[in-house]
C-alpha atoms as a PDB file:
ATOM      1  CA  MET A   1    -191.018  33.107 134.513  1.00  0.00           C
ATOM      2  CA  ALA A   2    -191.352  35.522 137.413  1.00  0.00           C
ATOM      3  CA  SER A   3    -188.100  35.062 139.111  1.00  0.00           C
ATOM      4  CA  GLY A   4    -184.615  36.071 137.628  1.00  0.00           C
ATOM      5  CA  VAL A   5    -182.686  33.601 139.633  1.00  0.00           C
ATOM      6  CA  ARG A   6    -180.650  31.183 137.323  1.00  0.00           C
ATOM      7  CA  VAL A   7    -179.386  27.723 138.362  1.00  0.00           C
ATOM      8  CA  LYS A   8    -177.021  25.467 136.455  1.00  0.00           C
ATOM      9  CA  ILE A   9    -178.245  21.825 135.598  1.00  0.00           C
ATOM     10  CA  GLU A  10    -176.926  18.917 133.607  1.00  0.00           C
ATOM     11  CA  ILE A  11    -179.173  16.363 132.046  1.00  0.00           C
ATOM     12  CA  GLY A  12    -178.094  13.119 130.914  1.00  0.00           C
ATOM     13  CA  PHE A  13    -180.201  11.200 128.299  1.00  0.00           C
ATOM     14  CA  GLN A  14    -180.590   7.507 127.606  1.00  0.00           C
ATOM     15  CA  GLY A  15    -177.992   6.988 124.760  1.00  0.00           C
ATOM     16  CA  GLY A  16    -175.304   9.155 126.572  1.00  0.00           C
ATOM     17  CA  GLN A  17    -175.855  12.634 125.507  1.00  0.00           C
ATOM     18  CA  VAL A  18    -175.428  15.209 128.218  1.00  0.00           C
ATOM     19  CA  ILE A  19    -176.159  18.999 128.167  1.00  0.00           C
ATOM     20  CA  GLY A  20    -175.467  21.497 130.748  1.00  0.00           C
ATOM     21  CA  THR A  21    -177.113  24.876 130.832  1.00  0.00           C
ATOM     22  CA  PHE A  22    -178.475  27.768 133.008  1.00  0.00           C
ATOM     23  CA  VAL A  23    -182.187  27.659 133.669  1.00  0.00           C
ATOM     24  CA  THR A  24    -184.675  29.509 135.783  1.00  0.00           C
ATOM     25  CA  GLN A  25    -185.218  28.169 139.236  1.00  0.00           C
ATOM     26  CA  GLU A  26    -188.832  27.454 138.218  1.00  0.00           C
ATOM     27  CA  SER A  27    -187.817  25.372 135.116  1.00  0.00           C
ATOM     28  CA  ALA A  28    -185.452  23.366 137.182  1.00  0.00           C
ATOM     29  CA  ASP A  29    -188.068  22.701 139.826  1.00  0.00           C
ATOM     30  CA  GLN A  30    -190.688  21.761 137.050  1.00  0.00           C
ATOM     31  CA  LEU A  31    -188.320  19.112 135.433  1.00  0.00           C
ATOM     32  CA  GLU A  32    -187.371  17.795 138.875  1.00  0.00           C
ATOM     33  CA  ARG A  33    -191.102  17.300 139.777  1.00  0.00           C
ATOM     34  CA  ALA A  34    -191.821  15.630 136.385  1.00  0.00           C
ATOM     35  CA  LEU A  35    -189.180  13.134 137.044  1.00  0.00           C
ATOM     36  CA  HIS A  36    -190.411  12.302 140.412  1.00  0.00           C
ATOM     37  CA  GLU A  37    -194.055  12.301 139.732  1.00  0.00           C
ATOM     38  CA  ASP A  38    -196.313  11.186 136.933  1.00  0.00           C
ATOM     39  CA  GLY A  39    -195.839  14.529 135.427  1.00  0.00           C
ATOM     40  CA  PRO A  40    -195.806  15.813 131.912  1.00  0.00           C
ATOM     41  CA  ARG A  41    -194.144  13.880 129.099  1.00  0.00           C
ATOM     42  CA  VAL A  42    -192.400  16.949 127.888  1.00  0.00           C
ATOM     43  CA  VAL A  43    -191.114  19.838 129.863  1.00  0.00           C
ATOM     44  CA  VAL A  44    -190.039  23.214 128.270  1.00  0.00           C
ATOM     45  CA  LEU A  45    -187.028  24.611 130.119  1.00  0.00           C
ATOM     46  CA  ASP A  46    -186.300  28.353 130.019  1.00  0.00           C
ATOM     47  CA  THR A  47    -182.776  28.603 129.362  1.00  0.00           C
ATOM     48  CA  ASP A  48    -180.101  31.162 128.586  1.00  0.00           C
ATOM     49  CA  GLU A  49    -179.930  29.911 124.973  1.00  0.00           C
ATOM     50  CA  GLY A  50    -183.719  29.759 124.440  1.00  0.00           C
ATOM     51  CA  PRO A  51    -186.277  27.350 125.210  1.00  0.00           C
ATOM     52  CA  TYR A  52    -185.296  23.484 125.466  1.00  0.00           C
ATOM     53  CA  HIS A  53    -188.132  20.792 124.971  1.00  0.00           C
ATOM     54  CA  VAL A  54    -186.921  17.911 127.196  1.00  0.00           C
ATOM     55  CA  VAL A  55    -188.599  14.521 126.626  1.00  0.00           C
ATOM     56  CA  VAL A  56    -188.958  13.440 130.301  1.00  0.00           C
ATOM     57  CA  PRO A  57    -188.903   9.569 129.709  1.00  0.00           C
ATOM     58  CA  GLU A  58    -185.588  10.024 127.873  1.00  0.00           C
ATOM     59  CA  VAL A  59    -183.860  11.436 130.906  1.00  0.00           C
ATOM     60  CA  ALA A  60    -181.478   9.237 132.633  1.00  0.00           C
ATOM     61  CA  TYR A  61    -180.294  11.732 135.287  1.00  0.00           C
ATOM     62  CA  LEU A  62    -180.739  15.291 136.339  1.00  0.00           C
ATOM     63  CA  ARG A  63    -177.829  17.121 138.156  1.00  0.00           C
ATOM     64  CA  ARG A  64    -178.511  20.431 139.832  1.00  0.00           C
ATOM     65  CA  PHE A  65    -175.608  22.417 140.937  1.00  0.00           C
ATOM     66  CA  ASN A  66    -175.552  24.365 144.087  1.00  0.00           C
ATOM     67  CA  ARG A  67    -175.256  28.093 143.925  1.00  0.00           C
ATOM     68  CA  SER A  68    -171.883  28.082 145.476  1.00  0.00           C
ATOM     69  CA  SER A  69    -170.516  25.708 142.772  1.00  0.00           C
ATOM     70  CA  HIS A  70    -168.607  27.995 140.388  1.00  0.00           C
ATOM     71  CA  VAL A  71    -165.242  28.544 138.990  1.00  0.00           C
ATOM     72  CA  GLY A  72    -163.308  31.676 139.800  1.00  0.00           C
ATOM     73  CA  PHE A  73    -160.654  33.310 141.636  1.00  0.00           C
ATOM     74  CA  THR A  74    -160.571  34.698 145.044  1.00  0.00           C
ATOM     75  CA  ALA A  75    -158.308  37.279 146.864  1.00  0.00           C
ATOM     76  CA  ALA A  76    -155.635  35.679 149.151  1.00  0.00           C
END
């Protein structure tokens, strides 16, 4: 993937399993498009842990976190 921008997503599957990971922005866009359109049955996500093959019809929900959503400390 061309862009180095990573976004955090959470994917819930039918049956209750949930995974959270950081993916390229392009991977997140591709999965989102596949869920909204009659897209591919399987989407390969480029994650920090390696490729995830997601079977789109098994996805119950996709949550995409904003860039500002992070845990940390700030100076007072």
